């Protein structure tokens, strides 16, 4: 394993390790035992990062963690805001060694989410990170402290590094730009290659759980969500709201999601289903005909209703 994969912040609160009692150490020594340092690295399974959306900058609803701290004799003074922040430097990533452990702001590190660690950005905050070698960019949520190794500037989650194209090499030169969540929601919405923009709230293994979440979203905030089945061998069911129609629409949805205390969503682009499904288009247009916008069904609801009508007609047929 390359040294670039090792996250050098043991001893700091965010990477706290349990101190082995002295007696236990003595017993280990007497027994001739020796400990092996746990190495960091990628997950054992292959991850399709094309299905993992970037973090969505949302207005910060919790107190920022930006108090000064000292580590290894060095005092760090975090910023009051990420707005206007811009810096270039070396990026690394961290994975299995810290997966499931607590981050500096009390969250749980998940190497499959778009997050990052930074020494002085406030927690939480959002930044855009660009790999200067290949031009690829991602948006991540900063929720941890680090990296404390050499001159490295930022430590990205495994999937963020893979999306930027340097998960194999371990290091990359990047440019970082702070994002103001308040203005992000008001920025123009630019669909990519004719695709539509959605807010994704979850990707669940259980279809029933996804449907329950879809109904909860509607009941709590009045937003119609849909469940998108993935193409994996063991498919995930993604719960999405949208499509986003305008910057104002995006801002309104983000505010509603925050008030209802749902988890922070991710931005994801999706090809219009009508491009490949003329049958679904016809069913949807039939179900939505002459209905006001607030009462129009989702495509899934229209298809379910159509299937129920088909079954009823078969039962009633002579």
C-alpha atoms as a PDB file:
ATOM      1  CA  UNK A   1       0.000   0.000   0.000  1.00  0.00           C
ATOM      2  CA  UNK A   2       1.389   3.373  -0.917  1.00  0.00           C
ATOM      3  CA  UNK A   3       2.155   5.759   1.910  1.00  0.00           C
ATOM      4  CA  UNK A   4      -0.136   8.256   0.219  1.00  0.00           C
ATOM      5  CA  UNK A   5      -3.054   6.201   1.481  1.00  0.00           C
ATOM      6  CA  UNK A   6      -2.106   6.615   5.156  1.00  0.00           C
ATOM      7  CA  UNK A   7      -4.069   9.314   6.944  1.00  0.00           C
ATOM      8  CA  UNK A   8      -1.596  10.839   9.404  1.00  0.00           C
ATOM      9  CA  UNK A   9      -3.790  12.232  12.152  1.00  0.00           C
ATOM     10  CA  UNK A  10      -3.687   9.588  14.863  1.00  0.00           C
ATOM     11  CA  UNK A  11      -3.650  11.172  18.287  1.00  0.00           C
ATOM     12  CA  UNK A  12      -6.033  13.989  17.329  1.00  0.00           C
ATOM     13  CA  UNK A  13      -9.611  13.894  18.560  1.00  0.00           C
ATOM     14  CA  UNK A  14     -11.115  13.106  15.164  1.00  0.00           C
ATOM     15  CA  UNK A  15      -8.984  10.016  14.799  1.00  0.00           C
ATOM     16  CA  UNK A  16      -9.044   8.994  18.446  1.00  0.00           C
ATOM     17  CA  UNK A  17      -7.710   5.542  19.193  1.00  0.00           C
ATOM     18  CA  UNK A  18      -8.225   3.608  22.403  1.00  0.00           C
ATOM     19  CA  UNK A  19      -5.203   3.544  24.644  1.00  0.00           C
ATOM     20  CA  UNK A  20      -4.341  -0.003  25.636  1.00  0.00           C
ATOM     21  CA  UNK A  21      -4.065  -0.310  29.422  1.00  0.00           C
ATOM     22  CA  UNK A  22      -0.482  -0.599  30.682  1.00  0.00           C
ATOM     23  CA  UNK A  23      -1.049  -4.045  32.172  1.00  0.00           C
ATOM     24  CA  UNK A  24      -2.324  -5.327  28.852  1.00  0.00           C
ATOM     25  CA  UNK A  25       0.768  -3.961  27.101  1.00  0.00           C
ATOM     26  CA  UNK A  26       2.997  -5.731  29.590  1.00  0.00           C
ATOM     27  CA  UNK A  27       1.139  -8.990  29.072  1.00  0.00           C
ATOM     28  CA  UNK A  28       1.479  -8.650  25.318  1.00  0.00           C
ATOM     29  CA  UNK A  29       5.189  -8.024  25.696  1.00  0.00           C
ATOM     30  CA  UNK A  30       5.634 -11.014  27.973  1.00  0.00           C
ATOM     31  CA  UNK A  31       3.747 -13.172  25.539  1.00  0.00           C
ATOM     32  CA  UNK A  32       6.015 -12.082  22.736  1.00  0.00           C
ATOM     33  CA  UNK A  33       3.161 -10.569  20.821  1.00  0.00           C
ATOM     34  CA  UNK A  34       3.565  -7.654  18.444  1.00  0.00           C
ATOM     35  CA  UNK A  35       0.985  -5.303  16.909  1.00  0.00           C
ATOM     36  CA  UNK A  36       0.685  -4.494  13.237  1.00  0.00           C
ATOM     37  CA  UNK A  37      -0.319  -1.019  12.095  1.00  0.00           C
ATOM     38  CA  UNK A  38      -3.591  -1.026  10.188  1.00  0.00           C
ATOM     39  CA  UNK A  39      -3.074   0.181   6.630  1.00  0.00           C
ATOM     40  CA  UNK A  40      -5.498   2.381   4.758  1.00  0.00           C
ATOM     41  CA  UNK A  41      -6.773   1.519   1.315  1.00  0.00           C
ATOM     42  CA  UNK A  42      -9.710   1.126  -1.087  1.00  0.00           C
ATOM     43  CA  UNK A  43     -12.755  -1.095  -0.516  1.00  0.00           C
ATOM     44  CA  UNK A  44     -12.534  -4.704  -1.612  1.00  0.00           C
ATOM     45  CA  UNK A  45     -15.481  -4.359  -3.974  1.00  0.00           C
ATOM     46  CA  UNK A  46     -15.548  -2.381  -7.229  1.00  0.00           C
ATOM     47  CA  UNK A  47     -17.383   0.926  -6.924  1.00  0.00           C
ATOM     48  CA  UNK A  48     -19.191   2.529  -9.865  1.00  0.00           C
ATOM     49  CA  UNK A  49     -18.706   6.198  -8.988  1.00  0.00           C
ATOM     50  CA  UNK A  50     -20.835   7.299 -11.940  1.00  0.00           C
ATOM     51  CA  UNK A  51     -23.850   6.478  -9.765  1.00  0.00           C
ATOM     52  CA  UNK A  52     -22.601   8.588  -6.833  1.00  0.00           C
ATOM     53  CA  UNK A  53     -23.662  12.235  -7.098  1.00  0.00           C
ATOM     54  CA  UNK A  54     -21.713  15.206  -5.777  1.00  0.00           C
ATOM     55  CA  UNK A  55     -22.604  16.835  -2.488  1.00  0.00           C
ATOM     56  CA  UNK A  56     -25.261  19.555  -2.699  1.00  0.00           C
ATOM     57  CA  UNK A  57     -24.308  22.769  -0.888  1.00  0.00           C
ATOM     58  CA  UNK A  58     -27.165  23.561   1.473  1.00  0.00           C
ATOM     59  CA  UNK A  59     -27.470  26.431   3.960  1.00  0.00           C
ATOM     60  CA  UNK A  60     -25.650  25.523   7.180  1.00  0.00           C
ATOM     61  CA  UNK A  61     -28.199  24.848   9.927  1.00  0.00           C
ATOM     62  CA  UNK A  62     -25.767  23.773  12.670  1.00  0.00           C
ATOM     63  CA  UNK A  63     -23.101  25.710  14.603  1.00  0.00           C
ATOM     64  CA  UNK A  64     -19.804  25.860  12.701  1.00  0.00           C
ATOM     65  CA  UNK A  65     -16.769  24.194  14.232  1.00  0.00           C
ATOM     66  CA  UNK A  66     -13.936  26.641  13.660  1.00  0.00           C
ATOM     67  CA  UNK A  67     -12.180  27.020  17.007  1.00  0.00           C
ATOM     68  CA  UNK A  68      -8.352  27.012  16.964  1.00  0.00           C
ATOM     69  CA  UNK A  69      -6.606  23.751  17.868  1.00  0.00           C
ATOM     70  CA  UNK A  70      -3.047  22.554  18.344  1.00  0.00           C
ATOM     71  CA  UNK A  71      -1.561  19.327  17.036  1.00  0.00           C
ATOM     72  CA  UNK A  72       2.083  18.226  17.271  1.00  0.00           C
ATOM     73  CA  UNK A  73       3.072  21.703  18.410  1.00  0.00           C
ATOM     74  CA  UNK A  74       1.367  23.430  15.475  1.00  0.00           C
ATOM     75  CA  UNK A  75      -1.638  25.695  16.078  1.00  0.00           C
ATOM     76  CA  UNK A  76      -4.301  25.842  13.375  1.00  0.00           C
ATOM     77  CA  UNK A  77      -6.843  28.668  13.185  1.00  0.00           C
ATOM     78  CA  UNK A  78      -9.889  27.648  11.076  1.00  0.00           C
ATOM     79  CA  UNK A  79     -11.659  30.186   8.879  1.00  0.00           C
ATOM     80  CA  UNK A  80     -15.023  31.698   9.702  1.00  0.00           C
ATOM     81  CA  UNK A  81     -16.394  30.856   6.255  1.00  0.00           C
ATOM     82  CA  UNK A  82     -15.452  29.031   3.065  1.00  0.00           C
ATOM     83  CA  UNK A  83     -16.800  31.907   0.960  1.00  0.00           C
ATOM     84  CA  UNK A  84     -14.094  33.264  -1.314  1.00  0.00           C
ATOM     85  CA  UNK A  85     -11.590  30.563  -0.347  1.00  0.00           C
ATOM     86  CA  UNK A  86      -9.266  29.533  -3.176  1.00  0.00           C
ATOM     87  CA  UNK A  87      -6.073  27.516  -2.962  1.00  0.00           C
ATOM     88  CA  UNK A  88      -4.060  25.003  -4.965  1.00  0.00           C
ATOM     89  CA  UNK A  89      -2.017  22.134  -3.615  1.00  0.00           C
ATOM     90  CA  UNK A  90      -1.716  18.393  -3.173  1.00  0.00           C
ATOM     91  CA  UNK A  91      -4.684  16.156  -2.439  1.00  0.00           C
ATOM     92  CA  UNK A  92      -4.720  12.669  -0.957  1.00  0.00           C
ATOM     93  CA  UNK A  93      -7.555  10.351   0.049  1.00  0.00           C
ATOM     94  CA  UNK A  94      -8.527   8.072   2.928  1.00  0.00           C
ATOM     95  CA  UNK A  95     -10.636   4.927   2.933  1.00  0.00           C
ATOM     96  CA  UNK A  96     -11.102   1.656   4.803  1.00  0.00           C
ATOM     97  CA  UNK A  97      -8.974   2.506   7.841  1.00  0.00           C
ATOM     98  CA  UNK A  98     -11.350   5.293   8.886  1.00  0.00           C
ATOM     99  CA  UNK A  99     -14.595   4.084   7.337  1.00  0.00           C
ATOM    100  CA  UNK A 100     -17.311   4.078   9.992  1.00  0.00           C
ATOM    101  CA  UNK A 101     -15.302   6.170  12.456  1.00  0.00           C
ATOM    102  CA  UNK A 102     -16.260   9.570  13.817  1.00  0.00           C
ATOM    103  CA  UNK A 103     -15.150  12.708  12.009  1.00  0.00           C
ATOM    104  CA  UNK A 104     -14.061  15.974  13.633  1.00  0.00           C
ATOM    105  CA  UNK A 105     -17.582  17.416  13.620  1.00  0.00           C
ATOM    106  CA  UNK A 106     -19.218  14.298  15.038  1.00  0.00           C
ATOM    107  CA  UNK A 107     -20.446  12.717  11.812  1.00  0.00           C
ATOM    108  CA  UNK A 108     -19.528   9.201  10.727  1.00  0.00           C
ATOM    109  CA  UNK A 109     -16.977   8.939   7.934  1.00  0.00           C
ATOM    110  CA  UNK A 110     -18.304   7.099   4.898  1.00  0.00           C
ATOM    111  CA  UNK A 111     -15.776   6.527   2.120  1.00  0.00           C
ATOM    112  CA  UNK A 112     -18.666   6.114  -0.330  1.00  0.00           C
ATOM    113  CA  UNK A 113     -19.908   9.680   0.205  1.00  0.00           C
ATOM    114  CA  UNK A 114     -18.580  12.923  -1.238  1.00  0.00           C
ATOM    115  CA  UNK A 115     -16.751  14.377   1.763  1.00  0.00           C
ATOM    116  CA  UNK A 116     -13.323  15.718   2.651  1.00  0.00           C
ATOM    117  CA  UNK A 117     -10.952  16.682   5.458  1.00  0.00           C
ATOM    118  CA  UNK A 118      -9.213  20.064   5.645  1.00  0.00           C
ATOM    119  CA  UNK A 119      -7.060  21.646   8.343  1.00  0.00           C
ATOM    120  CA  UNK A 120      -8.635  25.110   8.440  1.00  0.00           C
ATOM    121  CA  UNK A 121     -11.951  25.211   6.576  1.00  0.00           C
ATOM    122  CA  UNK A 122     -14.970  25.514   8.903  1.00  0.00           C
ATOM    123  CA  UNK A 123     -16.926  22.333   9.608  1.00  0.00           C
ATOM    124  CA  UNK A 124     -19.147  21.784   7.805  1.00  0.00           C
ATOM    125  CA  UNK A 125     -18.505  23.645   4.563  1.00  0.00           C
ATOM    126  CA  UNK A 126     -18.556  22.949   0.834  1.00  0.00           C
ATOM    127  CA  UNK A 127     -15.815  23.213  -1.772  1.00  0.00           C
ATOM    128  CA  UNK A 128     -15.289  22.460  -5.429  1.00  0.00           C
ATOM    129  CA  UNK A 129     -12.145  20.414  -6.056  1.00  0.00           C
ATOM    130  CA  UNK A 130     -10.583  20.218  -9.537  1.00  0.00           C
ATOM    131  CA  UNK A 131      -7.857  17.823 -10.643  1.00  0.00           C
ATOM    132  CA  UNK A 132      -5.583  20.197 -12.570  1.00  0.00           C
ATOM    133  CA  UNK A 133      -4.116  17.345 -14.616  1.00  0.00           C
ATOM    134  CA  UNK A 134      -7.352  16.060 -16.180  1.00  0.00           C
ATOM    135  CA  UNK A 135      -9.797  18.922 -15.495  1.00  0.00           C
ATOM    136  CA  UNK A 136     -12.285  16.738 -13.595  1.00  0.00           C
ATOM    137  CA  UNK A 137     -14.184  18.472 -10.770  1.00  0.00           C
ATOM    138  CA  UNK A 138     -16.323  17.401  -7.825  1.00  0.00           C
ATOM    139  CA  UNK A 139     -18.214  19.137  -5.022  1.00  0.00           C
ATOM    140  CA  UNK A 140     -17.579  17.764  -1.537  1.00  0.00           C
ATOM    141  CA  UNK A 141     -18.747  18.481   1.987  1.00  0.00           C
ATOM    142  CA  UNK A 142     -15.877  19.197   4.391  1.00  0.00           C
ATOM    143  CA  UNK A 143     -16.645  17.481   7.700  1.00  0.00           C
ATOM    144  CA  UNK A 144     -13.243  16.413   9.030  1.00  0.00           C
ATOM    145  CA  UNK A 145      -9.753  17.642   9.943  1.00  0.00           C
ATOM    146  CA  UNK A 146      -6.584  16.696   8.059  1.00  0.00           C
ATOM    147  CA  UNK A 147      -4.433  15.749   6.290  1.00  0.00           C
ATOM    148  CA  UNK A 148      -1.549  16.124   8.741  1.00  0.00           C
ATOM    149  CA  UNK A 149       1.166  14.796   6.478  1.00  0.00           C
ATOM    150  CA  UNK A 150       3.732  16.972   4.717  1.00  0.00           C
ATOM    151  CA  UNK A 151       2.270  19.757   2.620  1.00  0.00           C
ATOM    152  CA  UNK A 152      -0.932  17.986   1.631  1.00  0.00           C
ATOM    153  CA  UNK A 153      -3.832  20.402   1.387  1.00  0.00           C
ATOM    154  CA  UNK A 154      -6.958  18.254   1.432  1.00  0.00           C
ATOM    155  CA  UNK A 155      -7.899  14.634   2.127  1.00  0.00           C
ATOM    156  CA  UNK A 156     -10.804  13.378   0.049  1.00  0.00           C
ATOM    157  CA  UNK A 157     -13.085  10.410   0.542  1.00  0.00           C
ATOM    158  CA  UNK A 158     -12.288   7.369  -1.577  1.00  0.00           C
ATOM    159  CA  UNK A 159     -15.138   7.919  -4.046  1.00  0.00           C
ATOM    160  CA  UNK A 160     -14.290  11.614  -4.444  1.00  0.00           C
ATOM    161  CA  UNK A 161     -10.713  10.695  -5.332  1.00  0.00           C
ATOM    162  CA  UNK A 162     -11.915   8.043  -7.753  1.00  0.00           C
ATOM    163  CA  UNK A 163     -14.240  10.516  -9.469  1.00  0.00           C
ATOM    164  CA  UNK A 164     -11.270  12.855  -9.832  1.00  0.00           C
ATOM    165  CA  UNK A 165      -9.198  10.036 -11.329  1.00  0.00           C
ATOM    166  CA  UNK A 166      -6.407   9.607  -8.767  1.00  0.00           C
ATOM    167  CA  UNK A 167      -7.559   6.780  -6.486  1.00  0.00           C
ATOM    168  CA  UNK A 168      -4.845   4.523  -7.935  1.00  0.00           C
ATOM    169  CA  UNK A 169      -1.959   6.990  -7.738  1.00  0.00           C
ATOM    170  CA  UNK A 170      -2.964   8.243  -4.275  1.00  0.00           C
ATOM    171  CA  UNK A 171      -2.016  11.888  -4.829  1.00  0.00           C
ATOM    172  CA  UNK A 172      -3.017  14.666  -7.218  1.00  0.00           C
ATOM    173  CA  UNK A 173      -2.508  18.384  -7.731  1.00  0.00           C
ATOM    174  CA  UNK A 174      -5.830  20.111  -7.223  1.00  0.00           C
ATOM    175  CA  UNK A 175      -7.436  23.544  -7.150  1.00  0.00           C
ATOM    176  CA  UNK A 176      -9.968  24.180  -4.384  1.00  0.00           C
ATOM    177  CA  UNK A 177     -12.720  26.797  -4.422  1.00  0.00           C
ATOM    178  CA  UNK A 178     -15.007  27.550  -1.494  1.00  0.00           C
ATOM    179  CA  UNK A 179     -18.763  27.490  -2.136  1.00  0.00           C
ATOM    180  CA  UNK A 180     -21.338  29.778  -0.547  1.00  0.00           C
ATOM    181  CA  UNK A 181     -24.417  27.554   0.016  1.00  0.00           C
ATOM    182  CA  UNK A 182     -26.715  30.587   0.142  1.00  0.00           C
ATOM    183  CA  UNK A 183     -25.807  31.730  -3.364  1.00  0.00           C
ATOM    184  CA  UNK A 184     -25.367  28.220  -4.777  1.00  0.00           C
ATOM    185  CA  UNK A 185     -29.102  27.546  -4.667  1.00  0.00           C
ATOM    186  CA  UNK A 186     -29.717  30.760  -6.604  1.00  0.00           C
ATOM    187  CA  UNK A 187     -27.164  30.013  -9.321  1.00  0.00           C
ATOM    188  CA  UNK A 188     -28.305  29.068 -12.857  1.00  0.00           C
ATOM    189  CA  UNK A 189     -29.231  25.445 -13.440  1.00  0.00           C
ATOM    190  CA  UNK A 190     -27.393  23.962 -16.422  1.00  0.00           C
ATOM    191  CA  UNK A 191     -28.589  20.470 -17.471  1.00  0.00           C
ATOM    192  CA  UNK A 192     -25.785  18.396 -18.965  1.00  0.00           C
ATOM    193  CA  UNK A 193     -26.271  16.998 -22.483  1.00  0.00           C
ATOM    194  CA  UNK A 194     -30.053  17.285 -22.330  1.00  0.00           C
ATOM    195  CA  UNK A 195     -30.231  15.518 -18.976  1.00  0.00           C
ATOM    196  CA  UNK A 196     -32.451  16.652 -16.124  1.00  0.00           C
ATOM    197  CA  UNK A 197     -31.273  17.711 -12.680  1.00  0.00           C
ATOM    198  CA  UNK A 198     -32.653  15.954  -9.588  1.00  0.00           C
ATOM    199  CA  UNK A 199     -32.060  15.970  -5.860  1.00  0.00           C
ATOM    200  CA  UNK A 200     -31.251  12.477  -4.591  1.00  0.00           C
ATOM    201  CA  UNK A 201     -32.025  11.849  -0.933  1.00  0.00           C
ATOM    202  CA  UNK A 202     -31.074   8.204  -0.607  1.00  0.00           C
ATOM    203  CA  UNK A 203     -29.949   5.012  -2.346  1.00  0.00           C
ATOM    204  CA  UNK A 204     -31.461   2.035  -0.528  1.00  0.00           C
ATOM    205  CA  UNK A 205     -31.166  -1.721  -0.945  1.00  0.00           C
ATOM    206  CA  UNK A 206     -34.790  -2.334  -0.007  1.00  0.00           C
ATOM    207  CA  UNK A 207     -37.501  -1.288  -2.457  1.00  0.00           C
ATOM    208  CA  UNK A 208     -40.149  -1.033   0.245  1.00  0.00           C
ATOM    209  CA  UNK A 209     -37.937   1.285   2.333  1.00  0.00           C
ATOM    210  CA  UNK A 210     -37.446   3.501  -0.702  1.00  0.00           C
ATOM    211  CA  UNK A 211     -41.216   3.710  -1.244  1.00  0.00           C
ATOM    212  CA  UNK A 212     -41.760   4.559   2.426  1.00  0.00           C
ATOM    213  CA  UNK A 213     -39.244   7.390   2.152  1.00  0.00           C
ATOM    214  CA  UNK A 214     -40.929   8.620  -1.032  1.00  0.00           C
ATOM    215  CA  UNK A 215     -44.267   8.829   0.779  1.00  0.00           C
ATOM    216  CA  UNK A 216     -42.692  10.484   3.823  1.00  0.00           C
ATOM    217  CA  UNK A 217     -41.201  13.182   1.639  1.00  0.00           C
ATOM    218  CA  UNK A 218     -44.600  13.972   0.172  1.00  0.00           C
ATOM    219  CA  UNK A 219     -46.348  13.879   3.550  1.00  0.00           C
ATOM    220  CA  UNK A 220     -43.819  16.159   5.255  1.00  0.00           C
ATOM    221  CA  UNK A 221     -42.911  18.686   2.569  1.00  0.00           C
ATOM    222  CA  UNK A 222     -45.424  18.139  -0.223  1.00  0.00           C
ATOM    223  CA  UNK A 223     -42.748  17.262  -2.781  1.00  0.00           C
ATOM    224  CA  UNK A 224     -43.347  14.361  -5.140  1.00  0.00           C
ATOM    225  CA  UNK A 225     -40.399  11.984  -5.247  1.00  0.00           C
ATOM    226  CA  UNK A 226     -39.739   8.958  -7.422  1.00  0.00           C
ATOM    227  CA  UNK A 227     -37.860   5.718  -6.919  1.00  0.00           C
ATOM    228  CA  UNK A 228     -35.296   4.813  -9.565  1.00  0.00           C
ATOM    229  CA  UNK A 229     -34.112   1.210  -9.693  1.00  0.00           C
ATOM    230  CA  UNK A 230     -30.392   0.839 -10.419  1.00  0.00           C
ATOM    231  CA  UNK A 231     -28.845  -1.560 -12.899  1.00  0.00           C
ATOM    232  CA  UNK A 232     -26.499  -3.221 -10.424  1.00  0.00           C
ATOM    233  CA  UNK A 233     -26.558  -7.002  -9.843  1.00  0.00           C
ATOM    234  CA  UNK A 234     -28.047  -6.197  -6.438  1.00  0.00           C
ATOM    235  CA  UNK A 235     -29.878  -3.009  -7.414  1.00  0.00           C
ATOM    236  CA  UNK A 236     -30.140   0.084  -5.271  1.00  0.00           C
ATOM    237  CA  UNK A 237     -33.386   2.052  -5.196  1.00  0.00           C
ATOM    238  CA  UNK A 238     -32.643   5.764  -5.475  1.00  0.00           C
ATOM    239  CA  UNK A 239     -35.141   8.263  -4.108  1.00  0.00           C
ATOM    240  CA  UNK A 240     -35.117  11.470  -6.146  1.00  0.00           C
ATOM    241  CA  UNK A 241     -36.994  14.767  -6.209  1.00  0.00           C
ATOM    242  CA  UNK A 242     -37.295  16.825  -9.352  1.00  0.00           C
ATOM    243  CA  UNK A 243     -36.536  17.614 -12.006  1.00  0.00           C
ATOM    244  CA  UNK A 244     -35.229  21.037 -11.002  1.00  0.00           C
ATOM    245  CA  UNK A 245     -36.999  23.651 -13.089  1.00  0.00           C
ATOM    246  CA  UNK A 246     -35.167  26.827 -12.052  1.00  0.00           C
ATOM    247  CA  UNK A 247     -32.753  28.231  -9.478  1.00  0.00           C
ATOM    248  CA  UNK A 248     -35.747  29.377  -7.446  1.00  0.00           C
ATOM    249  CA  UNK A 249     -37.242  25.884  -7.581  1.00  0.00           C
ATOM    250  CA  UNK A 250     -33.949  24.391  -6.379  1.00  0.00           C
ATOM    251  CA  UNK A 251     -33.710  26.883  -3.533  1.00  0.00           C
ATOM    252  CA  UNK A 252     -37.287  26.162  -2.469  1.00  0.00           C
ATOM    253  CA  UNK A 253     -36.771  22.389  -2.457  1.00  0.00           C
ATOM    254  CA  UNK A 254     -33.519  22.626  -0.499  1.00  0.00           C
ATOM    255  CA  UNK A 255     -35.189  24.831   2.095  1.00  0.00           C
ATOM    256  CA  UNK A 256     -38.112  22.407   2.453  1.00  0.00           C
ATOM    257  CA  UNK A 257     -35.759  19.449   2.860  1.00  0.00           C
ATOM    258  CA  UNK A 258     -33.757  21.287   5.518  1.00  0.00           C
ATOM    259  CA  UNK A 259     -36.843  22.287   7.501  1.00  0.00           C
ATOM    260  CA  UNK A 260     -38.137  18.702   7.446  1.00  0.00           C
ATOM    261  CA  UNK A 261     -34.715  17.524   8.704  1.00  0.00           C
ATOM    262  CA  UNK A 262     -34.098  15.025   5.905  1.00  0.00           C
ATOM    263  CA  UNK A 263     -30.468  14.164   5.203  1.00  0.00           C
ATOM    264  CA  UNK A 264     -28.607  16.554   2.899  1.00  0.00           C
ATOM    265  CA  UNK A 265     -29.380  15.576  -0.713  1.00  0.00           C
ATOM    266  CA  UNK A 266     -27.030  15.143  -3.651  1.00  0.00           C
ATOM    267  CA  UNK A 267     -27.283  16.592  -7.132  1.00  0.00           C
ATOM    268  CA  UNK A 268     -27.643  14.025  -9.876  1.00  0.00           C
ATOM    269  CA  UNK A 269     -28.285  14.261 -13.593  1.00  0.00           C
ATOM    270  CA  UNK A 270     -30.679  11.866 -15.270  1.00  0.00           C
ATOM    271  CA  UNK A 271     -31.618  11.255 -18.882  1.00  0.00           C
ATOM    272  CA  UNK A 272     -35.322  11.937 -19.552  1.00  0.00           C
ATOM    273  CA  UNK A 273     -37.141   8.612 -19.408  1.00  0.00           C
ATOM    274  CA  UNK A 274     -39.205   9.544 -22.463  1.00  0.00           C
ATOM    275  CA  UNK A 275     -36.149   9.278 -24.707  1.00  0.00           C
ATOM    276  CA  UNK A 276     -36.122   5.505 -24.314  1.00  0.00           C
ATOM    277  CA  UNK A 277     -39.625   4.666 -23.155  1.00  0.00           C
ATOM    278  CA  UNK A 278     -42.415   5.735 -25.537  1.00  0.00           C
ATOM    279  CA  UNK A 279     -44.893   3.467 -23.713  1.00  0.00           C
ATOM    280  CA  UNK A 280     -44.240   5.222 -20.397  1.00  0.00           C
ATOM    281  CA  UNK A 281     -44.569   8.573 -22.122  1.00  0.00           C
ATOM    282  CA  UNK A 282     -47.985   7.658 -23.504  1.00  0.00           C
ATOM    283  CA  UNK A 283     -49.219   6.328 -20.170  1.00  0.00           C
ATOM    284  CA  UNK A 284     -47.976   9.401 -18.330  1.00  0.00           C
ATOM    285  CA  UNK A 285     -49.525  11.846 -20.797  1.00  0.00           C
ATOM    286  CA  UNK A 286     -52.852  10.002 -20.505  1.00  0.00           C
ATOM    287  CA  UNK A 287     -52.793  10.114 -16.697  1.00  0.00           C
ATOM    288  CA  UNK A 288     -51.648  13.748 -16.495  1.00  0.00           C
ATOM    289  CA  UNK A 289     -53.992  15.133 -19.158  1.00  0.00           C
ATOM    290  CA  UNK A 290     -55.797  18.290 -18.028  1.00  0.00           C
ATOM    291  CA  UNK A 291     -54.524  17.974 -14.447  1.00  0.00           C
ATOM    292  CA  UNK A 292     -53.054  21.029 -12.722  1.00  0.00           C
ATOM    293  CA  UNK A 293     -49.302  20.885 -12.120  1.00  0.00           C
ATOM    294  CA  UNK A 294     -49.676  20.176  -8.381  1.00  0.00           C
ATOM    295  CA  UNK A 295     -51.852  17.128  -9.062  1.00  0.00           C
ATOM    296  CA  UNK A 296     -49.898  15.543 -11.903  1.00  0.00           C
ATOM    297  CA  UNK A 297     -48.725  12.022 -10.984  1.00  0.00           C
ATOM    298  CA  UNK A 298     -45.164  10.795 -11.173  1.00  0.00           C
ATOM    299  CA  UNK A 299     -44.341   8.410 -14.015  1.00  0.00           C
ATOM    300  CA  UNK A 300     -44.222   5.524 -11.543  1.00  0.00           C
ATOM    301  CA  UNK A 301     -47.684   6.391 -10.174  1.00  0.00           C
ATOM    302  CA  UNK A 302     -49.117   6.617 -13.675  1.00  0.00           C
ATOM    303  CA  UNK A 303     -47.668   3.219 -14.620  1.00  0.00           C
ATOM    304  CA  UNK A 304     -48.956   1.608 -11.402  1.00  0.00           C
ATOM    305  CA  UNK A 305     -52.436   2.991 -12.051  1.00  0.00           C
ATOM    306  CA  UNK A 306     -52.315   1.768 -15.649  1.00  0.00           C
ATOM    307  CA  UNK A 307     -51.309  -1.741 -14.523  1.00  0.00           C
ATOM    308  CA  UNK A 308     -54.149  -1.808 -11.962  1.00  0.00           C
ATOM    309  CA  UNK A 309     -56.653  -0.775 -14.632  1.00  0.00           C
ATOM    310  CA  UNK A 310     -55.362  -3.519 -16.926  1.00  0.00           C
ATOM    311  CA  UNK A 311     -55.800  -6.155 -14.202  1.00  0.00           C
ATOM    312  CA  UNK A 312     -59.330  -4.934 -13.432  1.00  0.00           C
ATOM    313  CA  UNK A 313     -60.328  -5.028 -17.090  1.00  0.00           C
ATOM    314  CA  UNK A 314     -59.020  -8.602 -17.380  1.00  0.00           C
ATOM    315  CA  UNK A 315     -61.032  -9.687 -14.321  1.00  0.00           C
ATOM    316  CA  UNK A 316     -64.221  -8.052 -15.576  1.00  0.00           C
ATOM    317  CA  UNK A 317     -63.843  -9.321 -19.131  1.00  0.00           C
ATOM    318  CA  UNK A 318     -66.387 -12.013 -20.127  1.00  0.00           C
END
